[in-house]
Amino acid sequence: MKRPNWTELAVRVLLLLAGLTVAHLGVTLFLESDLGSDPFNVLVQGLYRALPWPGWMTHGRVHLLVSLLIVAVLLAAARNYVRIGTVLCMALGGPIIDLWTVPLAPLFPETLALPWRLPALVAGCVILAFGMTVVIRSEAGTGPNDLVAVVLSDKTGKPFGPVRVVVDLCFALAGFLLGGVVGLGTIVCAGLVGPCAQVFLPVSGRLCDFCLNKIRGDMP
């Protein structure tokens, strides 16, 4: 049995953590714009409102439960796609958002007009897309909702960007039908993140390859 290259694994995890930090900077900008939630969270909102959860089940716990269910399904259907990074994405996403909220919240007072909130939303989606592609290219795993798009893209042979748009729209529609709130931000996110990710994937791939080649000694 081939022994794992622990140094390479460590670099892949570090790349994943860097991408996750950048991606959640984008998520925080997105949320602080106060123009709606991302499609995956709309689904969580809808499930949280539609089902008779016990009192101790908070929105955040439903979010984690939905993520775990997605991972469980993918473990059964496409086990090789679920890796250590998937667990890290689920465990660290919330704390990283909380970390970014502290410096970013003062930039978005309640009196900030819509025209200034919209650029924050768009910037957040673009930053989210870049960070997400670094996570994907690290090949150490990815977030549960991104994982769905990655698996479908690979299985169907379709480009990741359009597949991600379809996945986001399905999440948003299902959440809306269940009672989740769809705002301008949800629509922008569903239409923008996938195409931006398609643009960034080659760039992120070269970045990750550069770092991995360095530690393998393939580059001077």
N, C-alpha and C. Protein backbone atom coordinates (compact mmCIF):
# COMPACT_ATOMS: atom_id res chain seq x y z
N MET A 1 0.85 -1.20 0.00
CA MET A 1 0.00 0.00 0.00
C MET A 1 0.88 1.24 0.00
N LYS A 2 0.57 2.18 -0.86
CA LYS A 2 1.36 3.39 -0.99
C LYS A 2 1.21 4.26 0.24
N ARG A 3 2.36 4.71 0.81
CA ARG A 3 2.33 5.56 1.98
C ARG A 3 1.95 6.98 1.58
N PRO A 4 1.12 7.65 2.36
CA PRO A 4 0.74 9.02 2.01
C PRO A 4 1.93 9.96 2.17
N ASN A 5 2.00 10.96 1.33
CA ASN A 5 3.01 12.01 1.44
C ASN A 5 2.47 13.06 2.42
N TRP A 6 2.93 12.98 3.66
CA TRP A 6 2.36 13.84 4.71
C TRP A 6 2.68 15.30 4.47
N THR A 7 3.85 15.59 3.90
CA THR A 7 4.19 16.99 3.61
C THR A 7 3.25 17.57 2.57
N GLU A 8 3.00 16.78 1.52
CA GLU A 8 2.07 17.24 0.48
C GLU A 8 0.66 17.41 1.05
N LEU A 9 0.24 16.47 1.88
CA LEU A 9 -1.09 16.58 2.49
C LEU A 9 -1.18 17.85 3.34
N ALA A 10 -0.11 18.14 4.10
CA ALA A 10 -0.10 19.34 4.94
C ALA A 10 -0.23 20.60 4.09
N VAL A 11 0.48 20.64 2.96
CA VAL A 11 0.40 21.81 2.07
C VAL A 11 -1.00 21.94 1.48
N ARG A 12 -1.58 20.81 1.10
CA ARG A 12 -2.94 20.85 0.56
C ARG A 12 -3.93 21.37 1.61
N VAL A 13 -3.77 20.96 2.85
CA VAL A 13 -4.66 21.43 3.91
C VAL A 13 -4.45 22.92 4.15
N LEU A 14 -3.19 23.37 4.12
CA LEU A 14 -2.91 24.80 4.29
C LEU A 14 -3.53 25.62 3.16
N LEU A 15 -3.43 25.11 1.92
CA LEU A 15 -4.07 25.78 0.79
C LEU A 15 -5.58 25.84 0.98
N LEU A 16 -6.14 24.72 1.46
CA LEU A 16 -7.58 24.68 1.71
C LEU A 16 -7.98 25.72 2.76
N LEU A 17 -7.20 25.82 3.84
CA LEU A 17 -7.52 26.77 4.90
C LEU A 17 -7.40 28.21 4.40
N ALA A 18 -6.39 28.47 3.56
CA ALA A 18 -6.25 29.81 2.98
C ALA A 18 -7.45 30.14 2.09
N GLY A 19 -7.82 29.18 1.25
CA GLY A 19 -8.98 29.40 0.38
C GLY A 19 -10.26 29.57 1.17
N LEU A 20 -10.40 28.79 2.23
CA LEU A 20 -11.59 28.89 3.08
C LEU A 20 -11.68 30.25 3.75
N THR A 21 -10.53 30.76 4.20
CA THR A 21 -10.50 32.09 4.83
C THR A 21 -10.90 33.17 3.85
N VAL A 22 -10.35 33.10 2.62
CA VAL A 22 -10.70 34.08 1.58
C VAL A 22 -12.18 33.95 1.21
N ALA A 23 -12.64 32.72 1.02
CA ALA A 23 -14.04 32.50 0.63
C ALA A 23 -14.99 33.08 1.66
N HIS A 24 -14.67 32.89 2.93
CA HIS A 24 -15.58 33.38 3.97
C HIS A 24 -15.44 34.87 4.23
N LEU A 25 -14.34 35.47 3.77
CA LEU A 25 -14.30 36.94 3.69
C LEU A 25 -15.37 37.39 2.71
N GLY A 26 -15.45 36.70 1.56
CA GLY A 26 -16.49 37.03 0.58
C GLY A 26 -17.88 36.80 1.13
N VAL A 27 -18.08 35.69 1.85
CA VAL A 27 -19.39 35.40 2.44
C VAL A 27 -19.78 36.50 3.43
N THR A 28 -18.81 36.96 4.24
CA THR A 28 -19.09 37.99 5.22
C THR A 28 -19.48 39.30 4.54
N LEU A 29 -18.73 39.68 3.50
CA LEU A 29 -19.10 40.88 2.72
C LEU A 29 -20.51 40.74 2.17
N PHE A 30 -20.79 39.55 1.62
CA PHE A 30 -22.11 39.25 1.07
C PHE A 30 -23.19 39.45 2.12
N LEU A 31 -22.99 38.86 3.31
CA LEU A 31 -24.00 38.94 4.36
C LEU A 31 -24.14 40.35 4.91
N GLU A 32 -23.02 41.06 5.06
CA GLU A 32 -23.07 42.42 5.59
C GLU A 32 -23.76 43.39 4.64
N SER A 33 -23.80 43.05 3.35
CA SER A 33 -24.52 43.92 2.41
C SER A 33 -26.02 43.94 2.71
N ASP A 34 -26.50 42.92 3.45
CA ASP A 34 -27.89 42.85 3.90
C ASP A 34 -28.88 42.85 2.73
N LEU A 35 -28.49 42.15 1.64
CA LEU A 35 -29.36 42.10 0.46
C LEU A 35 -29.88 40.69 0.19
N GLY A 36 -29.82 39.84 1.18
CA GLY A 36 -30.34 38.49 1.01
C GLY A 36 -29.30 37.46 1.36
N SER A 37 -29.73 36.23 1.52
CA SER A 37 -28.83 35.15 1.91
C SER A 37 -28.41 34.34 0.69
N ASP A 38 -27.32 33.57 0.84
CA ASP A 38 -26.87 32.73 -0.27
C ASP A 38 -27.85 31.57 -0.48
N PRO A 39 -27.85 30.96 -1.66
CA PRO A 39 -28.86 29.93 -1.98
C PRO A 39 -28.89 28.75 -1.01
N PHE A 40 -27.71 28.30 -0.56
CA PHE A 40 -27.69 27.17 0.36
C PHE A 40 -28.36 27.55 1.68
N ASN A 41 -28.11 28.76 2.15
CA ASN A 41 -28.72 29.19 3.41
C ASN A 41 -30.22 29.42 3.26
N VAL A 42 -30.68 29.78 2.07
CA VAL A 42 -32.13 29.89 1.84
C VAL A 42 -32.79 28.53 2.04
N LEU A 43 -32.12 27.48 1.55
CA LEU A 43 -32.64 26.12 1.78
C LEU A 43 -32.69 25.81 3.28
N VAL A 44 -31.64 26.18 4.00
CA VAL A 44 -31.61 25.94 5.45
C VAL A 44 -32.72 26.73 6.13
N GLN A 45 -32.89 28.00 5.73
CA GLN A 45 -33.98 28.82 6.28
C GLN A 45 -35.32 28.13 6.08
N GLY A 46 -35.55 27.68 4.85
CA GLY A 46 -36.83 27.05 4.54
C GLY A 46 -37.07 25.81 5.38
N LEU A 47 -36.06 24.97 5.51
CA LEU A 47 -36.20 23.76 6.33
C LEU A 47 -36.42 24.11 7.79
N TYR A 48 -35.72 25.13 8.27
CA TYR A 48 -35.84 25.55 9.67
C TYR A 48 -37.25 26.05 9.97
N ARG A 49 -37.86 26.74 9.00
CA ARG A 49 -39.20 27.30 9.21
C ARG A 49 -40.31 26.29 8.94
N ALA A 50 -40.03 25.34 8.04
CA ALA A 50 -41.12 24.46 7.60
C ALA A 50 -41.32 23.25 8.51
N LEU A 51 -40.26 22.80 9.19
CA LEU A 51 -40.35 21.57 9.96
C LEU A 51 -40.46 21.85 11.46
N PRO A 52 -41.15 20.98 12.20
CA PRO A 52 -41.34 21.18 13.64
C PRO A 52 -40.13 20.72 14.46
N TRP A 53 -39.08 21.51 14.43
CA TRP A 53 -37.86 21.15 15.14
C TRP A 53 -38.07 21.31 16.65
N PRO A 54 -37.34 20.53 17.46
CA PRO A 54 -37.37 20.75 18.91
C PRO A 54 -36.74 22.10 19.27
N GLY A 55 -37.04 22.60 20.45
CA GLY A 55 -36.61 23.94 20.85
C GLY A 55 -35.11 24.15 20.84
N TRP A 56 -34.34 23.10 21.08
CA TRP A 56 -32.88 23.25 21.14
C TRP A 56 -32.23 23.31 19.76
N MET A 57 -33.01 23.07 18.69
CA MET A 57 -32.46 23.05 17.34
C MET A 57 -32.46 24.47 16.76
N THR A 58 -31.30 25.10 16.72
CA THR A 58 -31.17 26.46 16.20
C THR A 58 -30.95 26.43 14.69
N HIS A 59 -30.98 27.62 14.09
CA HIS A 59 -30.72 27.74 12.65
C HIS A 59 -29.34 27.17 12.32
N GLY A 60 -28.33 27.52 13.13
CA GLY A 60 -26.98 27.05 12.88
C GLY A 60 -26.88 25.53 12.94
N ARG A 61 -27.64 24.92 13.87
CA ARG A 61 -27.60 23.46 13.99
C ARG A 61 -28.30 22.79 12.82
N VAL A 62 -29.35 23.42 12.31
CA VAL A 62 -30.00 22.89 11.11
C VAL A 62 -29.04 22.98 9.93
N HIS A 63 -28.30 24.09 9.85
CA HIS A 63 -27.30 24.27 8.79
C HIS A 63 -26.28 23.12 8.83
N LEU A 64 -25.79 22.82 10.01
CA LEU A 64 -24.83 21.73 10.17
C LEU A 64 -25.47 20.39 9.82
N LEU A 65 -26.72 20.19 10.24
CA LEU A 65 -27.41 18.93 9.95
C LEU A 65 -27.59 18.73 8.45
N VAL A 66 -28.00 19.78 7.75
CA VAL A 66 -28.17 19.68 6.29
C VAL A 66 -26.83 19.35 5.63
N SER A 67 -25.77 20.01 6.09
CA SER A 67 -24.44 19.74 5.56
C SER A 67 -24.05 18.28 5.77
N LEU A 68 -24.30 17.78 6.98
CA LEU A 68 -23.97 16.39 7.28
C LEU A 68 -24.77 15.41 6.43
N LEU A 69 -26.05 15.74 6.18
CA LEU A 69 -26.88 14.88 5.34
C LEU A 69 -26.35 14.82 3.91
N ILE A 70 -25.93 15.99 3.40
CA ILE A 70 -25.37 16.03 2.05
C ILE A 70 -24.10 15.18 1.99
N VAL A 71 -23.25 15.33 3.00
CA VAL A 71 -22.02 14.55 3.04
C VAL A 71 -22.32 13.06 3.13
N ALA A 72 -23.32 12.69 3.93
CA ALA A 72 -23.68 11.28 4.08
C ALA A 72 -24.15 10.70 2.75
N VAL A 73 -24.96 11.44 2.01
CA VAL A 73 -25.44 10.98 0.71
C VAL A 73 -24.27 10.80 -0.26
N LEU A 74 -23.35 11.78 -0.25
CA LEU A 74 -22.21 11.70 -1.16
C LEU A 74 -21.23 10.61 -0.75
N LEU A 75 -21.14 10.33 0.55
CA LEU A 75 -20.31 9.21 0.99
C LEU A 75 -20.83 7.89 0.42
N ALA A 76 -22.16 7.80 0.34
CA ALA A 76 -22.75 6.58 -0.20
C ALA A 76 -22.64 6.51 -1.72
N ALA A 77 -22.75 7.68 -2.37
CA ALA A 77 -22.81 7.70 -3.84
C ALA A 77 -21.46 7.92 -4.50
N ALA A 78 -20.59 8.72 -3.87
CA ALA A 78 -19.31 9.07 -4.48
C ALA A 78 -18.28 9.29 -3.38
N ARG A 79 -17.90 8.22 -2.72
CA ARG A 79 -17.10 8.30 -1.50
C ARG A 79 -15.76 9.01 -1.70
N ASN A 80 -15.13 8.84 -2.86
CA ASN A 80 -13.79 9.39 -3.04
C ASN A 80 -13.76 10.91 -3.08
N TYR A 81 -14.92 11.56 -3.17
CA TYR A 81 -14.94 13.02 -3.20
C TYR A 81 -14.94 13.64 -1.80
N VAL A 82 -15.28 12.86 -0.79
CA VAL A 82 -15.38 13.37 0.58
C VAL A 82 -14.05 13.15 1.28
N ARG A 83 -13.39 14.25 1.67
CA ARG A 83 -12.06 14.17 2.26
C ARG A 83 -12.00 15.00 3.54
N ILE A 84 -10.80 15.08 4.10
CA ILE A 84 -10.63 15.79 5.36
C ILE A 84 -11.06 17.25 5.27
N GLY A 85 -10.86 17.84 4.09
CA GLY A 85 -11.23 19.24 3.91
C GLY A 85 -12.72 19.48 4.04
N THR A 86 -13.53 18.49 3.72
CA THR A 86 -14.98 18.64 3.87
C THR A 86 -15.33 18.85 5.34
N VAL A 87 -14.69 18.10 6.20
CA VAL A 87 -14.92 18.25 7.65
C VAL A 87 -14.42 19.61 8.12
N LEU A 88 -13.24 20.05 7.62
CA LEU A 88 -12.70 21.34 8.01
C LEU A 88 -13.62 22.48 7.56
N CYS A 89 -14.17 22.37 6.34
CA CYS A 89 -15.08 23.40 5.84
C CYS A 89 -16.32 23.52 6.72
N MET A 90 -16.85 22.39 7.15
CA MET A 90 -18.04 22.40 7.99
C MET A 90 -17.73 22.94 9.38
N ALA A 91 -16.56 22.59 9.90
CA ALA A 91 -16.22 22.97 11.27
C ALA A 91 -15.76 24.42 11.39
N LEU A 92 -15.11 24.95 10.36
CA LEU A 92 -14.46 26.26 10.47
C LEU A 92 -15.21 27.39 9.78
N GLY A 93 -16.20 27.06 8.95
CA GLY A 93 -16.91 28.11 8.20
C GLY A 93 -17.51 29.18 9.11
N GLY A 94 -18.29 28.76 10.09
CA GLY A 94 -18.94 29.71 10.99
C GLY A 94 -17.96 30.57 11.77
N PRO A 95 -16.95 29.96 12.44
CA PRO A 95 -15.96 30.77 13.18
C PRO A 95 -15.21 31.77 12.30
N ILE A 96 -14.91 31.40 11.04
CA ILE A 96 -14.20 32.33 10.16
C ILE A 96 -15.10 33.52 9.82
N ILE A 97 -16.37 33.26 9.57
CA ILE A 97 -17.31 34.36 9.31
C ILE A 97 -17.39 35.28 10.51
N ASP A 98 -17.47 34.71 11.72
CA ASP A 98 -17.50 35.52 12.93
C ASP A 98 -16.24 36.38 13.04
N LEU A 99 -15.09 35.80 12.66
CA LEU A 99 -13.82 36.53 12.71
C LEU A 99 -13.84 37.74 11.78
N TRP A 100 -14.33 37.55 10.56
CA TRP A 100 -14.35 38.64 9.58
C TRP A 100 -15.41 39.68 9.91
N THR A 101 -16.48 39.27 10.60
CA THR A 101 -17.57 40.21 10.91
C THR A 101 -17.08 41.37 11.76
N VAL A 102 -16.15 41.11 12.68
CA VAL A 102 -15.68 42.16 13.60
C VAL A 102 -15.08 43.35 12.85
N PRO A 103 -14.12 43.16 11.92
CA PRO A 103 -13.59 44.34 11.21
C PRO A 103 -14.50 44.88 10.11
N LEU A 104 -15.38 44.04 9.56
CA LEU A 104 -16.18 44.48 8.41
C LEU A 104 -17.50 45.15 8.81
N ALA A 105 -18.07 44.75 9.93
CA ALA A 105 -19.39 45.27 10.32
C ALA A 105 -19.44 46.79 10.38
N PRO A 106 -18.42 47.49 10.92
CA PRO A 106 -18.48 48.96 10.97
C PRO A 106 -18.54 49.62 9.60
N LEU A 107 -18.15 48.91 8.55
CA LEU A 107 -18.18 49.48 7.20
C LEU A 107 -19.60 49.52 6.63
N PHE A 108 -20.56 48.83 7.30
CA PHE A 108 -21.91 48.72 6.77
C PHE A 108 -22.95 49.16 7.82
N PRO A 109 -22.96 50.45 8.16
CA PRO A 109 -23.99 50.91 9.10
C PRO A 109 -25.37 50.79 8.48
N GLU A 110 -26.41 50.78 9.34
CA GLU A 110 -27.78 50.59 8.85
C GLU A 110 -28.21 51.71 7.91
N THR A 111 -27.54 52.86 7.99
CA THR A 111 -27.91 54.00 7.14
C THR A 111 -27.27 53.93 5.75
N LEU A 112 -26.41 52.94 5.53
CA LEU A 112 -25.72 52.85 4.25
C LEU A 112 -26.74 52.55 3.14
N ALA A 113 -26.74 53.38 2.10
CA ALA A 113 -27.74 53.28 1.05
C ALA A 113 -27.50 52.06 0.16
N LEU A 114 -28.57 51.63 -0.50
CA LEU A 114 -28.53 50.45 -1.38
C LEU A 114 -27.42 50.52 -2.42
N PRO A 115 -27.23 51.68 -3.10
CA PRO A 115 -26.18 51.69 -4.13
C PRO A 115 -24.81 51.29 -3.60
N TRP A 116 -24.54 51.53 -2.32
CA TRP A 116 -23.25 51.18 -1.75
C TRP A 116 -23.24 49.75 -1.21
N ARG A 117 -24.40 49.21 -0.96
CA ARG A 117 -24.48 47.82 -0.51
C ARG A 117 -24.29 46.85 -1.68
N LEU A 118 -24.74 47.24 -2.86
CA LEU A 118 -24.66 46.36 -4.02
C LEU A 118 -23.22 46.03 -4.42
N PRO A 119 -22.30 47.02 -4.46
CA PRO A 119 -20.91 46.66 -4.76
C PRO A 119 -20.31 45.70 -3.74
N ALA A 120 -20.70 45.84 -2.47
CA ALA A 120 -20.21 44.92 -1.44
C ALA A 120 -20.71 43.51 -1.72
N LEU A 121 -21.95 43.41 -2.16
CA LEU A 121 -22.53 42.10 -2.49
C LEU A 121 -21.77 41.46 -3.66
N VAL A 122 -21.55 42.24 -4.72
CA VAL A 122 -20.86 41.71 -5.90
C VAL A 122 -19.42 41.34 -5.56
N ALA A 123 -18.74 42.24 -4.83
CA ALA A 123 -17.36 41.95 -4.41
C ALA A 123 -17.31 40.69 -3.56
N GLY A 124 -18.28 40.55 -2.68
CA GLY A 124 -18.33 39.36 -1.83
C GLY A 124 -18.48 38.09 -2.64
N CYS A 125 -19.33 38.13 -3.67
CA CYS A 125 -19.53 36.95 -4.52
C CYS A 125 -18.26 36.60 -5.29
N VAL A 126 -17.55 37.62 -5.79
CA VAL A 126 -16.32 37.37 -6.56
C VAL A 126 -15.23 36.80 -5.65
N ILE A 127 -15.08 37.39 -4.45
CA ILE A 127 -14.06 36.90 -3.50
C ILE A 127 -14.41 35.48 -3.06
N LEU A 128 -15.69 35.25 -2.80
CA LEU A 128 -16.16 33.91 -2.44
C LEU A 128 -15.79 32.91 -3.53
N ALA A 129 -16.01 33.27 -4.79
CA ALA A 129 -15.73 32.36 -5.90
C ALA A 129 -14.25 32.03 -5.98
N PHE A 130 -13.38 33.04 -5.78
CA PHE A 130 -11.94 32.78 -5.84
C PHE A 130 -11.50 31.87 -4.71
N GLY A 131 -11.91 32.19 -3.48
CA GLY A 131 -11.52 31.36 -2.35
C GLY A 131 -12.02 29.93 -2.50
N MET A 132 -13.23 29.79 -3.01
CA MET A 132 -13.83 28.47 -3.20
C MET A 132 -13.02 27.64 -4.20
N THR A 133 -12.50 28.29 -5.27
CA THR A 133 -11.73 27.54 -6.26
C THR A 133 -10.38 27.10 -5.70
N VAL A 134 -9.80 27.89 -4.80
CA VAL A 134 -8.56 27.46 -4.14
C VAL A 134 -8.83 26.22 -3.29
N VAL A 135 -9.95 26.24 -2.57
CA VAL A 135 -10.34 25.07 -1.78
C VAL A 135 -10.50 23.84 -2.67
N ILE A 136 -11.19 24.00 -3.78
CA ILE A 136 -11.42 22.88 -4.70
C ILE A 136 -10.10 22.36 -5.28
N ARG A 137 -9.23 23.27 -5.70
CA ARG A 137 -7.97 22.88 -6.32
C ARG A 137 -6.96 22.30 -5.33
N SER A 138 -7.18 22.57 -4.04
CA SER A 138 -6.29 21.96 -3.04
C SER A 138 -6.45 20.44 -3.03
N GLU A 139 -7.59 19.96 -3.50
CA GLU A 139 -7.91 18.53 -3.56
C GLU A 139 -7.84 17.88 -2.18
N ALA A 140 -8.07 18.69 -1.14
CA ALA A 140 -8.13 18.15 0.21
C ALA A 140 -9.59 18.04 0.68
N GLY A 141 -10.52 18.40 -0.21
CA GLY A 141 -11.93 18.38 0.14
C GLY A 141 -12.55 19.74 -0.09
N THR A 142 -13.85 19.84 -0.03
CA THR A 142 -14.52 21.12 -0.21
C THR A 142 -15.81 21.13 0.60
N GLY A 143 -16.47 22.30 0.65
CA GLY A 143 -17.69 22.44 1.44
C GLY A 143 -18.80 21.56 0.88
N PRO A 144 -19.77 21.19 1.73
CA PRO A 144 -20.83 20.26 1.30
C PRO A 144 -21.62 20.73 0.08
N ASN A 145 -21.98 22.03 0.04
CA ASN A 145 -22.77 22.50 -1.10
C ASN A 145 -21.93 22.58 -2.37
N ASP A 146 -20.65 23.02 -2.23
CA ASP A 146 -19.77 23.02 -3.39
C ASP A 146 -19.49 21.60 -3.86
N LEU A 147 -19.46 20.68 -2.93
CA LEU A 147 -19.19 19.28 -3.24
C LEU A 147 -20.24 18.72 -4.20
N VAL A 148 -21.49 19.12 -4.02
CA VAL A 148 -22.56 18.67 -4.91
C VAL A 148 -22.24 19.09 -6.35
N ALA A 149 -21.84 20.37 -6.51
CA ALA A 149 -21.54 20.87 -7.86
C ALA A 149 -20.30 20.19 -8.44
N VAL A 150 -19.29 19.94 -7.60
CA VAL A 150 -18.07 19.27 -8.07
C VAL A 150 -18.40 17.87 -8.58
N VAL A 151 -19.16 17.12 -7.79
CA VAL A 151 -19.51 15.75 -8.18
C VAL A 151 -20.33 15.74 -9.46
N LEU A 152 -21.36 16.58 -9.52
CA LEU A 152 -22.21 16.62 -10.72
C LEU A 152 -21.42 17.05 -11.95
N SER A 153 -20.51 18.01 -11.78
CA SER A 153 -19.70 18.47 -12.90
C SER A 153 -18.82 17.33 -13.42
N ASP A 154 -18.18 16.61 -12.51
CA ASP A 154 -17.31 15.50 -12.92
C ASP A 154 -18.11 14.36 -13.55
N LYS A 155 -19.25 14.02 -12.96
CA LYS A 155 -20.04 12.88 -13.44
C LYS A 155 -20.69 13.15 -14.80
N THR A 156 -21.08 14.41 -15.03
CA THR A 156 -21.76 14.75 -16.29
C THR A 156 -20.81 15.26 -17.36
N GLY A 157 -19.57 15.63 -16.95
CA GLY A 157 -18.63 16.19 -17.90
C GLY A 157 -18.92 17.63 -18.29
N LYS A 158 -19.81 18.28 -17.55
CA LYS A 158 -20.17 19.67 -17.82
C LYS A 158 -19.25 20.62 -17.05
N PRO A 159 -19.02 21.84 -17.57
CA PRO A 159 -18.17 22.80 -16.85
C PRO A 159 -18.74 23.11 -15.46
N PHE A 160 -17.85 23.35 -14.51
CA PHE A 160 -18.26 23.58 -13.13
C PHE A 160 -19.18 24.80 -13.01
N GLY A 161 -18.86 25.89 -13.72
CA GLY A 161 -19.61 27.14 -13.57
C GLY A 161 -21.11 26.98 -13.80
N PRO A 162 -21.53 26.50 -14.98
CA PRO A 162 -22.97 26.32 -15.21
C PRO A 162 -23.62 25.33 -14.23
N VAL A 163 -22.89 24.27 -13.87
CA VAL A 163 -23.44 23.30 -12.92
C VAL A 163 -23.68 23.96 -11.57
N ARG A 164 -22.74 24.79 -11.14
CA ARG A 164 -22.89 25.49 -9.86
C ARG A 164 -24.11 26.40 -9.89
N VAL A 165 -24.35 27.07 -11.02
CA VAL A 165 -25.53 27.94 -11.15
C VAL A 165 -26.81 27.12 -10.97
N VAL A 166 -26.87 25.96 -11.63
CA VAL A 166 -28.06 25.10 -11.53
C VAL A 166 -28.26 24.63 -10.09
N VAL A 167 -27.17 24.21 -9.43
CA VAL A 167 -27.26 23.75 -8.04
C VAL A 167 -27.76 24.87 -7.14
N ASP A 168 -27.20 26.08 -7.31
CA ASP A 168 -27.62 27.22 -6.49
C ASP A 168 -29.10 27.55 -6.71
N LEU A 169 -29.53 27.53 -7.96
CA LEU A 169 -30.93 27.83 -8.26
C LEU A 169 -31.86 26.79 -7.64
N CYS A 170 -31.44 25.53 -7.68
CA CYS A 170 -32.26 24.46 -7.07
C CYS A 170 -32.36 24.65 -5.56
N PHE A 171 -31.23 24.97 -4.91
CA PHE A 171 -31.24 25.23 -3.47
C PHE A 171 -32.18 26.39 -3.15
N ALA A 172 -32.03 27.49 -3.91
CA ALA A 172 -32.83 28.69 -3.65
C ALA A 172 -34.32 28.42 -3.87
N LEU A 173 -34.66 27.72 -4.94
CA LEU A 173 -36.07 27.44 -5.23
C LEU A 173 -36.68 26.54 -4.16
N ALA A 174 -35.95 25.49 -3.78
CA ALA A 174 -36.46 24.58 -2.75
C ALA A 174 -36.64 25.33 -1.43
N GLY A 175 -35.66 26.16 -1.08
CA GLY A 175 -35.77 26.93 0.17
C GLY A 175 -36.92 27.91 0.14
N PHE A 176 -37.10 28.57 -1.01
CA PHE A 176 -38.20 29.54 -1.15
C PHE A 176 -39.55 28.85 -1.00
N LEU A 177 -39.71 27.70 -1.62
CA LEU A 177 -40.98 26.96 -1.53
C LEU A 177 -41.26 26.50 -0.10
N LEU A 178 -40.19 26.30 0.67
CA LEU A 178 -40.35 25.89 2.07
C LEU A 178 -40.53 27.06 3.03
N GLY A 179 -40.30 28.28 2.52
CA GLY A 179 -40.48 29.46 3.37
C GLY A 179 -39.24 30.29 3.59
N GLY A 180 -38.14 29.94 2.92
CA GLY A 180 -36.93 30.74 3.02
C GLY A 180 -37.07 32.06 2.28
N VAL A 181 -36.22 33.02 2.63
CA VAL A 181 -36.30 34.36 2.05
C VAL A 181 -35.30 34.49 0.90
N VAL A 182 -35.81 34.81 -0.27
CA VAL A 182 -34.97 35.04 -1.44
C VAL A 182 -34.88 36.55 -1.67
N GLY A 183 -33.68 37.09 -1.60
CA GLY A 183 -33.48 38.51 -1.83
C GLY A 183 -32.65 38.76 -3.07
N LEU A 184 -32.34 40.03 -3.31
CA LEU A 184 -31.50 40.40 -4.45
C LEU A 184 -30.16 39.68 -4.38
N GLY A 185 -29.63 39.58 -3.15
CA GLY A 185 -28.34 38.91 -2.98
C GLY A 185 -28.38 37.46 -3.40
N THR A 186 -29.48 36.79 -3.14
CA THR A 186 -29.62 35.38 -3.52
C THR A 186 -29.55 35.23 -5.03
N ILE A 187 -30.23 36.12 -5.74
CA ILE A 187 -30.26 36.06 -7.20
C ILE A 187 -28.89 36.37 -7.78
N VAL A 188 -28.24 37.41 -7.24
CA VAL A 188 -26.90 37.77 -7.72
C VAL A 188 -25.92 36.63 -7.46
N CYS A 189 -25.99 36.05 -6.26
CA CYS A 189 -25.09 34.95 -5.90
C CYS A 189 -25.29 33.76 -6.82
N ALA A 190 -26.54 33.38 -7.06
CA ALA A 190 -26.84 32.22 -7.89
C ALA A 190 -26.34 32.40 -9.32
N GLY A 191 -26.37 33.64 -9.81
CA GLY A 191 -25.96 33.87 -11.19
C GLY A 191 -24.50 34.23 -11.38
N LEU A 192 -23.82 34.65 -10.27
CA LEU A 192 -22.47 35.19 -10.40
C LEU A 192 -21.37 34.25 -9.92
N VAL A 193 -21.61 33.53 -8.81
CA VAL A 193 -20.54 32.75 -8.20
C VAL A 193 -20.04 31.64 -9.15
N GLY A 194 -20.95 30.91 -9.77
CA GLY A 194 -20.55 29.83 -10.67
C GLY A 194 -19.69 30.30 -11.83
N PRO A 195 -20.15 31.31 -12.61
CA PRO A 195 -19.31 31.81 -13.71
C PRO A 195 -17.97 32.36 -13.25
N CYS A 196 -17.95 33.08 -12.10
CA CYS A 196 -16.67 33.59 -11.58
C CYS A 196 -15.75 32.43 -11.22
N ALA A 197 -16.30 31.40 -10.60
CA ALA A 197 -15.50 30.24 -10.24
C ALA A 197 -14.90 29.58 -11.48
N GLN A 198 -15.66 29.52 -12.55
CA GLN A 198 -15.16 28.93 -13.80
C GLN A 198 -13.95 29.70 -14.31
N VAL A 199 -13.97 31.03 -14.15
CA VAL A 199 -12.84 31.87 -14.57
C VAL A 199 -11.63 31.64 -13.66
N PHE A 200 -11.89 31.52 -12.36
CA PHE A 200 -10.80 31.43 -11.38
C PHE A 200 -10.17 30.04 -11.28
N LEU A 201 -10.88 29.00 -11.69
CA LEU A 201 -10.36 27.64 -11.51
C LEU A 201 -8.97 27.43 -12.13
N PRO A 202 -8.71 27.88 -13.37
CA PRO A 202 -7.36 27.70 -13.91
C PRO A 202 -6.30 28.46 -13.10
N VAL A 203 -6.64 29.68 -12.66
CA VAL A 203 -5.70 30.48 -11.87
C VAL A 203 -5.38 29.78 -10.56
N SER A 204 -6.42 29.31 -9.88
CA SER A 204 -6.23 28.62 -8.61
C SER A 204 -5.47 27.31 -8.80
N GLY A 205 -5.72 26.65 -9.91
CA GLY A 205 -5.00 25.42 -10.21
C GLY A 205 -3.50 25.67 -10.35
N ARG A 206 -3.13 26.75 -11.05
CA ARG A 206 -1.71 27.08 -11.21
C ARG A 206 -1.08 27.45 -9.87
N LEU A 207 -1.83 28.18 -9.03
CA LEU A 207 -1.34 28.55 -7.70
C LEU A 207 -1.06 27.31 -6.86
N CYS A 208 -2.00 26.39 -6.84
CA CYS A 208 -1.82 25.17 -6.04
C CYS A 208 -0.70 24.30 -6.60
N ASP A 209 -0.62 24.19 -7.93
CA ASP A 209 0.45 23.41 -8.55
C ASP A 209 1.82 24.00 -8.22
N PHE A 210 1.91 25.32 -8.22
CA PHE A 210 3.18 25.98 -7.89
C PHE A 210 3.62 25.62 -6.48
N CYS A 211 2.69 25.70 -5.52
CA CYS A 211 3.02 25.39 -4.13
C CYS A 211 3.39 23.92 -3.97
N LEU A 212 2.66 23.03 -4.62
CA LEU A 212 2.94 21.60 -4.50
C LEU A 212 4.25 21.21 -5.17
N ASN A 213 4.53 21.83 -6.32
CA ASN A 213 5.80 21.54 -7.01
C ASN A 213 6.99 22.02 -6.19
N LYS A 214 6.81 23.10 -5.47
CA LYS A 214 7.88 23.61 -4.61
C LYS A 214 8.25 22.57 -3.55
N ILE A 215 7.25 22.02 -2.89
CA ILE A 215 7.55 21.08 -1.81
C ILE A 215 7.99 19.71 -2.35
N ARG A 216 7.63 19.41 -3.60
CA ARG A 216 8.09 18.14 -4.20
C ARG A 216 9.52 18.26 -4.73
N GLY A 217 9.99 19.51 -4.84
CA GLY A 217 11.34 19.72 -5.37
C GLY A 217 11.39 19.71 -6.87
N ASP A 218 10.23 19.89 -7.53
CA ASP A 218 10.19 19.86 -9.00
C ASP A 218 10.57 21.19 -9.61
N MET A 219 10.70 22.23 -8.74
CA MET A 219 11.02 23.56 -9.24
C MET A 219 12.25 24.06 -8.52
N PRO A 220 13.07 24.90 -9.18
CA PRO A 220 14.26 25.44 -8.51
C PRO A 220 13.87 26.43 -7.43
